[in-house]
Each structure stands twice: as C-alpha cells, then as structure tokens.
Amino acid sequence: MAQSEVKARIKPSESVIIPPLFRVIYINDNQTSQEFVIESLIQHFRYEPDAAEKITMDIHESGSAVVAVLPYEIAEQKGIEITISARTEGYPLQIKLEPEAG
C-alpha cells in the first residue's frame, strides 16, 4: 500500500487574538492559615517556598496581593480550584479576578 503525503499550508494571520489578561488576587482574612496560602501558591502557581512565603506576608500586611496574571480562562480555573481546596479545608479564602490594566 502506498503512503500518501498530506501537506497543509498555514498562513500566518494578522488577526491573531491575544486573550485578555486577568490578575488573580488573594484577599486576606483572619481564618485562612498562612500555611494553606503558602501551599496553594506553591501547588497552583509553582512558586518557590521562599517566594510563596513573601507573597503570603504581603497579603497579610496589605490586605490583598496579586499572585498571578493569566489569561481569563486559566485565571478563572485557578480561582475555582483554590476556592474548592480552601472550602474543603474549612477556610473562607477569597480569590478575586480583575482585568489587567494595559
């Protein structure tokens, strides 16, 4: 049986749509443990432990902090995953998404 080749030519498009970016913001509360916040930053955003600890302190001291800037769908999914994880552990951690100014 002879093999046939299929060649496709993909034209670069000038109308490539870049998805809008959103800031993922952790809101401080008095019940969610710092250990949980640190672990969530490491697990969901792949921060190194020292960086996760610094961001956690920023959240604690400032009341909130941007932890990532991602395309909307990814930011939304991360927010949902972290919220579910927090509720499973009994924490009221709030995650907020805001459009990235640009």
N, C-alpha and C. Protein backbone atom coordinates (compact mmCIF):
# COMPACT_ATOMS: atom_id res chain seq x y z
N MET A 1 0.85 -1.16 0.00
CA MET A 1 0.00 0.00 0.00
C MET A 1 0.90 1.23 0.00
N ALA A 2 0.60 2.14 -0.86
CA ALA A 2 1.39 3.36 -0.98
C ALA A 2 0.94 4.38 0.07
N GLN A 3 1.93 5.07 0.61
CA GLN A 3 1.60 6.12 1.56
C GLN A 3 1.42 7.43 0.82
N SER A 4 0.45 8.17 1.22
CA SER A 4 0.26 9.48 0.59
C SER A 4 0.61 10.56 1.60
N GLU A 5 1.13 11.62 1.07
CA GLU A 5 1.51 12.75 1.92
C GLU A 5 0.46 13.82 1.84
N VAL A 6 0.17 14.37 2.97
CA VAL A 6 -0.75 15.50 3.01
C VAL A 6 0.04 16.69 3.52
N LYS A 7 0.03 17.72 2.73
CA LYS A 7 0.73 18.92 3.13
C LYS A 7 -0.29 20.02 3.34
N ALA A 8 -0.14 20.69 4.43
CA ALA A 8 -1.04 21.81 4.72
C ALA A 8 -0.20 23.07 4.85
N ARG A 9 -0.71 24.10 4.32
CA ARG A 9 -0.02 25.38 4.43
C ARG A 9 -0.85 26.25 5.38
N ILE A 10 -0.22 26.67 6.41
CA ILE A 10 -0.88 27.52 7.38
C ILE A 10 -0.38 28.93 7.17
N LYS A 11 -1.31 29.81 6.90
CA LYS A 11 -0.95 31.20 6.68
C LYS A 11 -0.96 31.94 8.02
N PRO A 12 0.09 32.70 8.25
CA PRO A 12 0.06 33.49 9.47
C PRO A 12 -1.08 34.50 9.39
N SER A 13 -1.79 34.62 10.45
CA SER A 13 -2.93 35.53 10.46
C SER A 13 -2.57 36.83 11.15
N GLU A 14 -2.98 37.90 10.57
CA GLU A 14 -2.75 39.19 11.19
C GLU A 14 -3.79 39.45 12.26
N SER A 15 -4.79 38.60 12.33
CA SER A 15 -5.86 38.81 13.29
C SER A 15 -5.80 37.82 14.45
N VAL A 16 -4.59 37.44 14.84
CA VAL A 16 -4.44 36.56 15.99
C VAL A 16 -4.93 37.32 17.21
N ILE A 17 -5.83 36.70 17.92
CA ILE A 17 -6.41 37.35 19.09
C ILE A 17 -5.66 36.90 20.33
N ILE A 18 -5.10 37.86 21.02
CA ILE A 18 -4.42 37.57 22.27
C ILE A 18 -5.44 37.70 23.39
N PRO A 19 -5.62 36.65 24.17
CA PRO A 19 -6.65 36.72 25.21
C PRO A 19 -6.30 37.79 26.26
N PRO A 20 -7.33 38.44 26.79
CA PRO A 20 -7.06 39.45 27.81
C PRO A 20 -6.51 38.80 29.07
N LEU A 21 -5.64 39.52 29.74
CA LEU A 21 -5.03 39.02 30.97
C LEU A 21 -5.80 39.52 32.19
N PHE A 22 -5.85 38.65 33.21
CA PHE A 22 -6.52 38.99 34.45
C PHE A 22 -5.60 38.74 35.63
N ARG A 23 -5.70 39.62 36.61
CA ARG A 23 -4.93 39.47 37.84
C ARG A 23 -5.69 38.55 38.78
N VAL A 24 -4.98 37.60 39.35
CA VAL A 24 -5.53 36.71 40.37
C VAL A 24 -5.10 37.32 41.71
N ILE A 25 -6.08 37.68 42.52
CA ILE A 25 -5.81 38.39 43.77
C ILE A 25 -6.31 37.57 44.95
N TYR A 26 -5.44 37.37 45.93
CA TYR A 26 -5.82 36.73 47.18
C TYR A 26 -6.22 37.84 48.15
N ILE A 27 -7.34 37.64 48.84
CA ILE A 27 -7.83 38.59 49.82
C ILE A 27 -7.54 38.02 51.22
N ASN A 28 -6.93 38.84 52.06
CA ASN A 28 -6.59 38.40 53.42
C ASN A 28 -7.86 38.22 54.26
N ASP A 29 -7.82 37.24 55.14
CA ASP A 29 -8.86 37.08 56.16
C ASP A 29 -8.18 36.59 57.43
N ASN A 30 -8.91 36.55 58.51
CA ASN A 30 -8.33 36.17 59.80
C ASN A 30 -8.47 34.69 60.12
N GLN A 31 -8.94 33.90 59.16
CA GLN A 31 -9.16 32.48 59.43
C GLN A 31 -8.30 31.54 58.59
N THR A 32 -8.02 31.92 57.35
CA THR A 32 -7.22 31.05 56.48
C THR A 32 -5.78 31.06 56.98
N SER A 33 -5.24 29.87 57.18
CA SER A 33 -3.87 29.79 57.72
C SER A 33 -2.84 30.23 56.68
N GLN A 34 -1.75 30.78 57.18
CA GLN A 34 -0.67 31.17 56.29
C GLN A 34 -0.08 29.94 55.60
N GLU A 35 -0.06 28.83 56.31
CA GLU A 35 0.47 27.60 55.72
C GLU A 35 -0.35 27.18 54.50
N PHE A 36 -1.69 27.32 54.62
CA PHE A 36 -2.55 26.97 53.49
C PHE A 36 -2.26 27.89 52.30
N VAL A 37 -2.14 29.18 52.56
CA VAL A 37 -1.88 30.14 51.49
C VAL A 37 -0.54 29.83 50.81
N ILE A 38 0.47 29.59 51.60
CA ILE A 38 1.80 29.25 51.05
C ILE A 38 1.70 28.00 50.18
N GLU A 39 1.07 26.97 50.70
CA GLU A 39 0.96 25.72 49.94
C GLU A 39 0.16 25.90 48.65
N SER A 40 -0.89 26.72 48.70
CA SER A 40 -1.69 26.93 47.49
C SER A 40 -0.88 27.67 46.43
N LEU A 41 -0.04 28.61 46.85
CA LEU A 41 0.82 29.33 45.90
C LEU A 41 1.85 28.40 45.26
N ILE A 42 2.37 27.49 46.06
CA ILE A 42 3.35 26.52 45.55
C ILE A 42 2.67 25.55 44.60
N GLN A 43 1.52 25.01 45.01
CA GLN A 43 0.84 23.99 44.21
C GLN A 43 0.22 24.53 42.94
N HIS A 44 -0.48 25.65 43.03
CA HIS A 44 -1.25 26.14 41.88
C HIS A 44 -0.48 27.09 40.96
N PHE A 45 0.55 27.75 41.52
CA PHE A 45 1.27 28.73 40.71
C PHE A 45 2.77 28.42 40.61
N ARG A 46 3.19 27.31 41.22
CA ARG A 46 4.57 26.83 41.14
C ARG A 46 5.60 27.82 41.69
N TYR A 47 5.20 28.55 42.74
CA TYR A 47 6.16 29.43 43.40
C TYR A 47 7.13 28.60 44.21
N GLU A 48 8.35 29.11 44.34
CA GLU A 48 9.31 28.52 45.26
C GLU A 48 8.84 28.84 46.69
N PRO A 49 9.15 28.01 47.67
CA PRO A 49 8.67 28.24 49.04
C PRO A 49 8.99 29.64 49.58
N ASP A 50 10.19 30.14 49.36
CA ASP A 50 10.54 31.47 49.88
C ASP A 50 9.69 32.56 49.25
N ALA A 51 9.47 32.47 47.95
CA ALA A 51 8.65 33.47 47.25
C ALA A 51 7.20 33.37 47.72
N ALA A 52 6.69 32.15 47.90
CA ALA A 52 5.32 31.96 48.38
C ALA A 52 5.14 32.55 49.77
N GLU A 53 6.15 32.38 50.62
CA GLU A 53 6.09 32.93 51.97
C GLU A 53 6.08 34.47 51.92
N LYS A 54 6.88 35.05 51.06
CA LYS A 54 6.92 36.52 50.94
C LYS A 54 5.58 37.06 50.45
N ILE A 55 5.00 36.42 49.44
CA ILE A 55 3.70 36.86 48.93
C ILE A 55 2.64 36.72 50.02
N THR A 56 2.69 35.65 50.77
CA THR A 56 1.74 35.44 51.86
C THR A 56 1.84 36.57 52.89
N MET A 57 3.05 36.99 53.20
CA MET A 57 3.22 38.11 54.14
C MET A 57 2.70 39.40 53.53
N ASP A 58 2.87 39.60 52.22
CA ASP A 58 2.32 40.78 51.54
C ASP A 58 0.80 40.79 51.64
N ILE A 59 0.18 39.63 51.43
CA ILE A 59 -1.28 39.51 51.54
C ILE A 59 -1.71 39.87 52.96
N HIS A 60 -1.01 39.33 53.94
CA HIS A 60 -1.34 39.55 55.34
C HIS A 60 -1.20 41.03 55.72
N GLU A 61 -0.12 41.65 55.30
CA GLU A 61 0.16 43.03 55.69
C GLU A 61 -0.64 44.05 54.88
N SER A 62 -0.90 43.78 53.62
CA SER A 62 -1.58 44.76 52.75
C SER A 62 -3.08 44.51 52.61
N GLY A 63 -3.53 43.34 53.01
CA GLY A 63 -4.95 43.01 52.88
C GLY A 63 -5.27 42.24 51.61
N SER A 64 -4.38 42.31 50.64
CA SER A 64 -4.55 41.55 49.40
C SER A 64 -3.25 41.65 48.60
N ALA A 65 -3.13 40.77 47.61
CA ALA A 65 -1.96 40.83 46.73
C ALA A 65 -2.27 40.09 45.44
N VAL A 66 -1.70 40.60 44.35
CA VAL A 66 -1.78 39.93 43.06
C VAL A 66 -0.78 38.78 43.11
N VAL A 67 -1.28 37.57 42.85
CA VAL A 67 -0.39 36.40 42.89
C VAL A 67 -0.04 35.88 41.50
N ALA A 68 -0.82 36.31 40.49
CA ALA A 68 -0.53 35.87 39.12
C ALA A 68 -1.31 36.76 38.15
N VAL A 69 -0.83 36.81 36.92
CA VAL A 69 -1.53 37.48 35.83
C VAL A 69 -1.61 36.45 34.70
N LEU A 70 -2.85 36.07 34.36
CA LEU A 70 -3.07 34.96 33.44
C LEU A 70 -4.22 35.27 32.49
N PRO A 71 -4.30 34.53 31.36
CA PRO A 71 -5.49 34.67 30.52
C PRO A 71 -6.73 34.32 31.36
N TYR A 72 -7.87 34.94 31.01
CA TYR A 72 -9.07 34.83 31.84
C TYR A 72 -9.45 33.39 32.18
N GLU A 73 -9.51 32.51 31.20
CA GLU A 73 -9.97 31.15 31.44
C GLU A 73 -9.07 30.42 32.44
N ILE A 74 -7.77 30.64 32.34
CA ILE A 74 -6.84 29.99 33.26
C ILE A 74 -6.96 30.61 34.65
N ALA A 75 -7.06 31.94 34.70
CA ALA A 75 -7.22 32.62 35.99
C ALA A 75 -8.49 32.16 36.69
N GLU A 76 -9.57 32.05 35.93
CA GLU A 76 -10.85 31.60 36.49
C GLU A 76 -10.72 30.18 37.03
N GLN A 77 -10.10 29.30 36.26
CA GLN A 77 -9.95 27.90 36.68
C GLN A 77 -9.11 27.80 37.96
N LYS A 78 -8.01 28.56 38.01
CA LYS A 78 -7.18 28.56 39.22
C LYS A 78 -7.99 29.04 40.41
N GLY A 79 -8.76 30.12 40.22
CA GLY A 79 -9.58 30.65 41.30
C GLY A 79 -10.57 29.63 41.82
N ILE A 80 -11.20 28.91 40.91
CA ILE A 80 -12.16 27.86 41.31
C ILE A 80 -11.45 26.74 42.07
N GLU A 81 -10.33 26.27 41.54
CA GLU A 81 -9.60 25.17 42.18
C GLU A 81 -9.16 25.55 43.59
N ILE A 82 -8.63 26.76 43.75
CA ILE A 82 -8.14 27.20 45.05
C ILE A 82 -9.30 27.39 46.02
N THR A 83 -10.41 27.94 45.54
CA THR A 83 -11.58 28.13 46.40
C THR A 83 -12.12 26.80 46.88
N ILE A 84 -12.22 25.83 45.99
CA ILE A 84 -12.68 24.50 46.38
C ILE A 84 -11.74 23.89 47.42
N SER A 85 -10.46 24.00 47.18
CA SER A 85 -9.47 23.48 48.13
C SER A 85 -9.60 24.16 49.49
N ALA A 86 -9.77 25.49 49.48
CA ALA A 86 -9.91 26.23 50.73
C ALA A 86 -11.16 25.79 51.48
N ARG A 87 -12.28 25.67 50.78
CA ARG A 87 -13.53 25.27 51.44
C ARG A 87 -13.43 23.85 51.99
N THR A 88 -12.75 22.98 51.26
CA THR A 88 -12.56 21.61 51.72
C THR A 88 -11.81 21.59 53.05
N GLU A 89 -10.88 22.53 53.20
CA GLU A 89 -10.09 22.64 54.44
C GLU A 89 -10.79 23.51 55.50
N GLY A 90 -11.94 24.07 55.15
CA GLY A 90 -12.69 24.89 56.10
C GLY A 90 -12.26 26.35 56.16
N TYR A 91 -11.58 26.82 55.11
CA TYR A 91 -11.10 28.20 55.08
C TYR A 91 -11.98 29.07 54.18
N PRO A 92 -12.18 30.34 54.56
CA PRO A 92 -13.00 31.24 53.75
C PRO A 92 -12.20 32.07 52.74
N LEU A 93 -11.01 31.65 52.37
CA LEU A 93 -10.16 32.41 51.45
C LEU A 93 -10.96 32.88 50.24
N GLN A 94 -10.83 34.16 49.92
CA GLN A 94 -11.50 34.73 48.76
C GLN A 94 -10.46 35.02 47.67
N ILE A 95 -10.82 34.69 46.45
CA ILE A 95 -9.98 34.96 45.29
C ILE A 95 -10.76 35.92 44.39
N LYS A 96 -10.09 36.97 43.94
CA LYS A 96 -10.75 37.95 43.08
C LYS A 96 -9.98 38.03 41.76
N LEU A 97 -10.71 38.20 40.68
CA LEU A 97 -10.10 38.39 39.36
C LEU A 97 -10.40 39.80 38.90
N GLU A 98 -9.37 40.47 38.37
CA GLU A 98 -9.53 41.82 37.83
C GLU A 98 -8.79 41.90 36.50
N PRO A 99 -9.37 42.60 35.53
CA PRO A 99 -8.65 42.77 34.25
C PRO A 99 -7.32 43.47 34.48
N GLU A 100 -6.32 43.02 33.78
CA GLU A 100 -5.00 43.65 33.85
C GLU A 100 -5.07 44.95 33.07
N ALA A 101 -4.66 46.02 33.69
CA ALA A 101 -4.63 47.30 33.01
C ALA A 101 -3.54 47.26 31.94
N GLY A 102 -3.84 47.74 30.81
CA GLY A 102 -2.81 47.67 29.79
C GLY A 102 -3.20 48.42 28.63
